């Protein structure tokens, strides 16, 4: 069976400056949620660019400097686990997106947001697109930046909390991560509001 690869659309609206927005780490047990906003030229194209989940780690790392160099503007921001616990993960994801937009050096005229919901930003019109990271180049580029920046952050945390294997699972609830939580409990970077099943110990000294 031949797999048909659909090309990413270069833009949603030809006349307006568009910023693609996506997040990474929303479903993790630990660490921050990251979001990226990217403004690409209307003719930007790279054959490898796709939804970050469809790419290998090496492919994402290869694309990151290309996106950063060739984009009109990009920005990445994160919201930590304590803030996630305080305002909930959905609002934290929106906050991370807004923080990224605040850092853009060029003001977009329309926002393309991956997913089915978004908190309006400074009266700039937005379009929510389900699975948009596999449909529009700017959202795909944002997904790559959000994912690589977050993975890099979790890799650094792993150096101090090696028992959780965050260099591999990046904070997601893998069997290895859950087993480590059973043994060592939660550390200060875990999301307490997620009520991680089976966890009885809480290690605050970390």
C-alpha atoms as a PDB file:
ATOM      1  CA  UNK A   1       0.000   0.000   0.000  1.00  0.00           C
ATOM      2  CA  UNK A   2       1.395   3.398  -1.010  1.00  0.00           C
ATOM      3  CA  UNK A   3       1.285   6.093   1.664  1.00  0.00           C
ATOM      4  CA  UNK A   4       0.165   9.432   0.287  1.00  0.00           C
ATOM      5  CA  UNK A   5       2.013  12.377   1.827  1.00  0.00           C
ATOM      6  CA  UNK A   6      -0.022  15.581   1.898  1.00  0.00           C
ATOM      7  CA  UNK A   7       1.966  18.778   1.403  1.00  0.00           C
ATOM      8  CA  UNK A   8       1.653  21.483   4.010  1.00  0.00           C
ATOM      9  CA  UNK A   9      -0.250  24.569   2.948  1.00  0.00           C
ATOM     10  CA  UNK A  10       2.007  27.648   2.844  1.00  0.00           C
ATOM     11  CA  UNK A  11      -0.580  30.028   4.271  1.00  0.00           C
ATOM     12  CA  UNK A  12      -4.198  30.412   5.381  1.00  0.00           C
ATOM     13  CA  UNK A  13      -4.726  33.890   3.940  1.00  0.00           C
ATOM     14  CA  UNK A  14      -2.494  35.336   1.235  1.00  0.00           C
ATOM     15  CA  UNK A  15      -2.847  39.006   2.209  1.00  0.00           C
ATOM     16  CA  UNK A  16      -2.194  38.952   5.959  1.00  0.00           C
ATOM     17  CA  UNK A  17       0.890  38.385   8.096  1.00  0.00           C
ATOM     18  CA  UNK A  18       0.216  35.053   9.788  1.00  0.00           C
ATOM     19  CA  UNK A  19       1.727  33.585  12.925  1.00  0.00           C
ATOM     20  CA  UNK A  20       1.436  29.848  13.437  1.00  0.00           C
ATOM     21  CA  UNK A  21       1.130  28.800  17.080  1.00  0.00           C
ATOM     22  CA  UNK A  22       1.525  25.433  18.776  1.00  0.00           C
ATOM     23  CA  UNK A  23       2.386  24.002  22.187  1.00  0.00           C
ATOM     24  CA  UNK A  24       4.359  21.053  23.514  1.00  0.00           C
ATOM     25  CA  UNK A  25       4.115  19.200  26.795  1.00  0.00           C
ATOM     26  CA  UNK A  26       0.448  19.635  27.561  1.00  0.00           C
ATOM     27  CA  UNK A  27      -0.054  16.010  28.586  1.00  0.00           C
ATOM     28  CA  UNK A  28       3.155  15.534  30.564  1.00  0.00           C
ATOM     29  CA  UNK A  29       3.406  14.567  34.228  1.00  0.00           C
ATOM     30  CA  UNK A  30       6.315  16.910  34.811  1.00  0.00           C
ATOM     31  CA  UNK A  31       7.954  20.078  33.577  1.00  0.00           C
ATOM     32  CA  UNK A  32       6.599  23.179  31.878  1.00  0.00           C
ATOM     33  CA  UNK A  33       4.358  23.534  28.869  1.00  0.00           C
ATOM     34  CA  UNK A  34       6.079  25.353  26.005  1.00  0.00           C
ATOM     35  CA  UNK A  35       4.549  27.281  23.116  1.00  0.00           C
ATOM     36  CA  UNK A  36       6.021  28.766  19.971  1.00  0.00           C
ATOM     37  CA  UNK A  37       4.825  31.381  17.505  1.00  0.00           C
ATOM     38  CA  UNK A  38       6.344  31.526  14.024  1.00  0.00           C
ATOM     39  CA  UNK A  39       5.858  33.919  11.123  1.00  0.00           C
ATOM     40  CA  UNK A  40       7.061  32.450   7.835  1.00  0.00           C
ATOM     41  CA  UNK A  41       7.362  34.000   4.422  1.00  0.00           C
ATOM     42  CA  UNK A  42       4.529  33.036   2.073  1.00  0.00           C
ATOM     43  CA  UNK A  43       6.929  31.025  -0.068  1.00  0.00           C
ATOM     44  CA  UNK A  44       8.720  29.191   2.752  1.00  0.00           C
ATOM     45  CA  UNK A  45       9.145  25.516   1.984  1.00  0.00           C
ATOM     46  CA  UNK A  46      11.176  22.666   3.345  1.00  0.00           C
ATOM     47  CA  UNK A  47      10.460  19.083   2.262  1.00  0.00           C
ATOM     48  CA  UNK A  48      11.085  17.726   5.754  1.00  0.00           C
ATOM     49  CA  UNK A  49       8.802  20.118   7.630  1.00  0.00           C
ATOM     50  CA  UNK A  50       5.809  18.420   9.212  1.00  0.00           C
ATOM     51  CA  UNK A  51       3.960  18.023  12.477  1.00  0.00           C
ATOM     52  CA  UNK A  52       6.755  17.545  15.025  1.00  0.00           C
ATOM     53  CA  UNK A  53       5.169  14.297  16.235  1.00  0.00           C
ATOM     54  CA  UNK A  54       5.736  12.819  12.775  1.00  0.00           C
ATOM     55  CA  UNK A  55       9.450  13.635  12.847  1.00  0.00           C
ATOM     56  CA  UNK A  56      12.376  12.013  14.583  1.00  0.00           C
ATOM     57  CA  UNK A  57      14.380  13.867  17.199  1.00  0.00           C
ATOM     58  CA  UNK A  58      17.230  14.256  14.713  1.00  0.00           C
ATOM     59  CA  UNK A  59      14.879  15.687  12.084  1.00  0.00           C
ATOM     60  CA  UNK A  60      13.441  18.209  14.526  1.00  0.00           C
ATOM     61  CA  UNK A  61      16.909  19.267  15.626  1.00  0.00           C
ATOM     62  CA  UNK A  62      17.906  19.672  11.981  1.00  0.00           C
ATOM     63  CA  UNK A  63      14.878  21.837  11.183  1.00  0.00           C
ATOM     64  CA  UNK A  64      15.081  24.106  14.219  1.00  0.00           C
ATOM     65  CA  UNK A  65      17.985  26.340  13.056  1.00  0.00           C
ATOM     66  CA  UNK A  66      16.520  26.472   9.542  1.00  0.00           C
ATOM     67  CA  UNK A  67      13.190  27.723  10.887  1.00  0.00           C
ATOM     68  CA  UNK A  68      14.918  30.226  13.156  1.00  0.00           C
ATOM     69  CA  UNK A  69      17.113  31.534  10.348  1.00  0.00           C
ATOM     70  CA  UNK A  70      14.553  31.697   7.550  1.00  0.00           C
ATOM     71  CA  UNK A  71      11.458  32.826   9.445  1.00  0.00           C
ATOM     72  CA  UNK A  72      10.389  36.453   9.531  1.00  0.00           C
ATOM     73  CA  UNK A  73      10.039  36.125  13.295  1.00  0.00           C
ATOM     74  CA  UNK A  74       9.764  33.434  15.941  1.00  0.00           C
ATOM     75  CA  UNK A  75       9.453  33.232  19.708  1.00  0.00           C
ATOM     76  CA  UNK A  76       9.212  30.483  22.306  1.00  0.00           C
ATOM     77  CA  UNK A  77       7.943  30.701  25.897  1.00  0.00           C
ATOM     78  CA  UNK A  78       7.101  28.322  28.713  1.00  0.00           C
ATOM     79  CA  UNK A  79       4.873  28.173  31.769  1.00  0.00           C
ATOM     80  CA  UNK A  80       6.198  26.122  34.672  1.00  0.00           C
ATOM     81  CA  UNK A  81       4.519  23.294  36.541  1.00  0.00           C
ATOM     82  CA  UNK A  82       3.610  25.435  39.555  1.00  0.00           C
ATOM     83  CA  UNK A  83       1.691  27.832  37.347  1.00  0.00           C
ATOM     84  CA  UNK A  84       0.080  24.862  35.576  1.00  0.00           C
ATOM     85  CA  UNK A  85      -1.112  23.604  38.963  1.00  0.00           C
ATOM     86  CA  UNK A  86      -2.418  27.058  39.855  1.00  0.00           C
ATOM     87  CA  UNK A  87      -4.395  27.917  36.719  1.00  0.00           C
ATOM     88  CA  UNK A  88      -4.799  24.448  35.062  1.00  0.00           C
ATOM     89  CA  UNK A  89      -3.048  23.088  31.989  1.00  0.00           C
ATOM     90  CA  UNK A  90      -5.449  24.539  29.428  1.00  0.00           C
ATOM     91  CA  UNK A  91      -5.058  28.096  30.694  1.00  0.00           C
ATOM     92  CA  UNK A  92      -1.311  27.550  31.081  1.00  0.00           C
ATOM     93  CA  UNK A  93      -1.108  26.484  27.428  1.00  0.00           C
ATOM     94  CA  UNK A  94      -2.930  29.639  26.365  1.00  0.00           C
ATOM     95  CA  UNK A  95      -0.656  31.724  28.610  1.00  0.00           C
ATOM     96  CA  UNK A  96       2.460  30.187  27.051  1.00  0.00           C
ATOM     97  CA  UNK A  97       1.085  31.020  23.608  1.00  0.00           C
ATOM     98  CA  UNK A  98       0.400  34.615  24.633  1.00  0.00           C
ATOM     99  CA  UNK A  99       3.877  34.959  26.126  1.00  0.00           C
ATOM    100  CA  UNK A 100       5.405  33.733  22.877  1.00  0.00           C
ATOM    101  CA  UNK A 101       3.310  36.202  20.888  1.00  0.00           C
ATOM    102  CA  UNK A 102       4.438  39.012  23.207  1.00  0.00           C
ATOM    103  CA  UNK A 103       8.043  38.277  22.231  1.00  0.00           C
ATOM    104  CA  UNK A 104       7.552  38.341  18.451  1.00  0.00           C
ATOM    105  CA  UNK A 105       9.526  41.130  16.775  1.00  0.00           C
ATOM    106  CA  UNK A 106       6.888  41.512  14.064  1.00  0.00           C
ATOM    107  CA  UNK A 107       3.185  41.921  14.789  1.00  0.00           C
ATOM    108  CA  UNK A 108       0.994  39.304  13.077  1.00  0.00           C
ATOM    109  CA  UNK A 109      -2.354  40.223  11.550  1.00  0.00           C
ATOM    110  CA  UNK A 110      -3.917  36.797  12.013  1.00  0.00           C
ATOM    111  CA  UNK A 111      -3.102  33.831  14.248  1.00  0.00           C
ATOM    112  CA  UNK A 112      -3.267  30.197  13.168  1.00  0.00           C
ATOM    113  CA  UNK A 113      -3.635  28.071  16.283  1.00  0.00           C
ATOM    114  CA  UNK A 114      -3.258  24.323  16.444  1.00  0.00           C
ATOM    115  CA  UNK A 115      -6.260  22.714  18.128  1.00  0.00           C
ATOM    116  CA  UNK A 116      -9.878  23.587  18.774  1.00  0.00           C
ATOM    117  CA  UNK A 117      -9.593  26.392  21.309  1.00  0.00           C
ATOM    118  CA  UNK A 118      -7.719  29.587  22.078  1.00  0.00           C
ATOM    119  CA  UNK A 119      -7.956  32.603  24.356  1.00  0.00           C
ATOM    120  CA  UNK A 120      -8.185  35.757  22.196  1.00  0.00           C
ATOM    121  CA  UNK A 121      -5.018  37.801  22.027  1.00  0.00           C
ATOM    122  CA  UNK A 122      -4.983  41.620  21.735  1.00  0.00           C
ATOM    123  CA  UNK A 123      -7.924  41.742  19.316  1.00  0.00           C
ATOM    124  CA  UNK A 124      -5.905  39.947  16.649  1.00  0.00           C
ATOM    125  CA  UNK A 125      -8.214  37.555  14.775  1.00  0.00           C
ATOM    126  CA  UNK A 126      -7.397  33.899  15.126  1.00  0.00           C
ATOM    127  CA  UNK A 127      -8.290  30.661  13.431  1.00  0.00           C
ATOM    128  CA  UNK A 128      -8.230  27.384  15.364  1.00  0.00           C
ATOM    129  CA  UNK A 129      -7.308  24.442  13.168  1.00  0.00           C
ATOM    130  CA  UNK A 130      -7.609  20.875  14.422  1.00  0.00           C
ATOM    131  CA  UNK A 131      -4.411  18.994  13.578  1.00  0.00           C
ATOM    132  CA  UNK A 132      -3.147  22.236  12.096  1.00  0.00           C
ATOM    133  CA  UNK A 133       0.454  21.209  12.683  1.00  0.00           C
ATOM    134  CA  UNK A 134       0.010  18.721   9.869  1.00  0.00           C
ATOM    135  CA  UNK A 135      -1.779  21.172   7.573  1.00  0.00           C
ATOM    136  CA  UNK A 136      -0.054  24.574   7.667  1.00  0.00           C
ATOM    137  CA  UNK A 137       3.662  25.265   7.454  1.00  0.00           C
ATOM    138  CA  UNK A 138       3.718  27.995  10.109  1.00  0.00           C
ATOM    139  CA  UNK A 139       1.961  25.796  12.677  1.00  0.00           C
ATOM    140  CA  UNK A 140       4.245  22.875  11.838  1.00  0.00           C
ATOM    141  CA  UNK A 141       7.253  25.157  12.312  1.00  0.00           C
ATOM    142  CA  UNK A 142       5.864  26.291  15.676  1.00  0.00           C
ATOM    143  CA  UNK A 143       5.363  22.675  16.704  1.00  0.00           C
ATOM    144  CA  UNK A 144       9.010  21.901  15.906  1.00  0.00           C
ATOM    145  CA  UNK A 145      10.305  24.852  17.931  1.00  0.00           C
ATOM    146  CA  UNK A 146       8.028  24.213  20.908  1.00  0.00           C
ATOM    147  CA  UNK A 147       8.993  20.544  20.986  1.00  0.00           C
ATOM    148  CA  UNK A 148      12.752  21.040  20.598  1.00  0.00           C
ATOM    149  CA  UNK A 149      12.934  23.822  23.186  1.00  0.00           C
ATOM    150  CA  UNK A 150      10.948  21.783  25.682  1.00  0.00           C
ATOM    151  CA  UNK A 151      12.968  18.627  25.048  1.00  0.00           C
ATOM    152  CA  UNK A 152      16.143  20.618  25.595  1.00  0.00           C
ATOM    153  CA  UNK A 153      14.773  21.924  28.897  1.00  0.00           C
ATOM    154  CA  UNK A 154      13.806  18.434  30.082  1.00  0.00           C
ATOM    155  CA  UNK A 155      17.240  17.133  29.117  1.00  0.00           C
ATOM    156  CA  UNK A 156      18.783  19.694  31.476  1.00  0.00           C
ATOM    157  CA  UNK A 157      16.410  18.707  34.291  1.00  0.00           C
ATOM    158  CA  UNK A 158      17.370  15.081  33.740  1.00  0.00           C
ATOM    159  CA  UNK A 159      20.926  15.827  34.854  1.00  0.00           C
ATOM    160  CA  UNK A 160      19.620  16.426  38.375  1.00  0.00           C
ATOM    161  CA  UNK A 161      16.707  13.981  38.392  1.00  0.00           C
ATOM    162  CA  UNK A 162      18.105  11.012  36.514  1.00  0.00           C
ATOM    163  CA  UNK A 163      15.833   8.530  38.292  1.00  0.00           C
ATOM    164  CA  UNK A 164      12.874   9.660  36.150  1.00  0.00           C
ATOM    165  CA  UNK A 165      14.624   9.201  32.763  1.00  0.00           C
ATOM    166  CA  UNK A 166      13.373  12.564  31.510  1.00  0.00           C
ATOM    167  CA  UNK A 167      16.057  12.499  28.829  1.00  0.00           C
ATOM    168  CA  UNK A 168      13.973   9.778  27.183  1.00  0.00           C
ATOM    169  CA  UNK A 169      10.354  10.324  28.224  1.00  0.00           C
ATOM    170  CA  UNK A 170      10.543  14.142  28.496  1.00  0.00           C
ATOM    171  CA  UNK A 171       8.121  14.045  31.422  1.00  0.00           C
ATOM    172  CA  UNK A 172       5.392  11.996  29.740  1.00  0.00           C
ATOM    173  CA  UNK A 173       3.747   9.204  31.700  1.00  0.00           C
ATOM    174  CA  UNK A 174       5.633   6.253  30.296  1.00  0.00           C
ATOM    175  CA  UNK A 175       5.831   2.992  32.219  1.00  0.00           C
ATOM    176  CA  UNK A 176       9.429   3.783  33.145  1.00  0.00           C
ATOM    177  CA  UNK A 177       8.453   7.221  34.469  1.00  0.00           C
ATOM    178  CA  UNK A 178       5.473   5.875  36.407  1.00  0.00           C
ATOM    179  CA  UNK A 179       7.601   3.125  37.931  1.00  0.00           C
ATOM    180  CA  UNK A 180      10.187   5.698  39.045  1.00  0.00           C
ATOM    181  CA  UNK A 181       7.439   7.783  40.651  1.00  0.00           C
ATOM    182  CA  UNK A 182       6.294   4.713  42.584  1.00  0.00           C
ATOM    183  CA  UNK A 183       9.803   4.291  43.935  1.00  0.00           C
ATOM    184  CA  UNK A 184      10.969   7.877  44.430  1.00  0.00           C
ATOM    185  CA  UNK A 185       7.720   9.831  44.612  1.00  0.00           C
ATOM    186  CA  UNK A 186       7.131  13.231  43.032  1.00  0.00           C
ATOM    187  CA  UNK A 187       9.724  15.987  42.859  1.00  0.00           C
ATOM    188  CA  UNK A 188       9.246  19.735  42.683  1.00  0.00           C
ATOM    189  CA  UNK A 189       8.911  19.669  38.890  1.00  0.00           C
ATOM    190  CA  UNK A 190       5.980  17.260  38.803  1.00  0.00           C
ATOM    191  CA  UNK A 191       2.483  18.592  38.199  1.00  0.00           C
ATOM    192  CA  UNK A 192       0.667  17.905  41.458  1.00  0.00           C
ATOM    193  CA  UNK A 193      -2.747  18.829  40.036  1.00  0.00           C
ATOM    194  CA  UNK A 194      -2.566  15.925  37.584  1.00  0.00           C
ATOM    195  CA  UNK A 195      -3.279  13.470  40.452  1.00  0.00           C
ATOM    196  CA  UNK A 196      -0.859  10.927  39.067  1.00  0.00           C
ATOM    197  CA  UNK A 197      -2.345   7.512  39.810  1.00  0.00           C
ATOM    198  CA  UNK A 198      -0.619   5.248  42.298  1.00  0.00           C
ATOM    199  CA  UNK A 199       1.671   7.931  43.702  1.00  0.00           C
ATOM    200  CA  UNK A 200       1.831   7.852  47.484  1.00  0.00           C
ATOM    201  CA  UNK A 201       5.091   9.624  48.202  1.00  0.00           C
ATOM    202  CA  UNK A 202       5.984  13.251  47.732  1.00  0.00           C
ATOM    203  CA  UNK A 203       9.610  14.308  47.786  1.00  0.00           C
ATOM    204  CA  UNK A 204       9.795  18.016  48.506  1.00  0.00           C
ATOM    205  CA  UNK A 205      13.518  18.065  49.295  1.00  0.00           C
ATOM    206  CA  UNK A 206      14.289  17.708  45.575  1.00  0.00           C
END
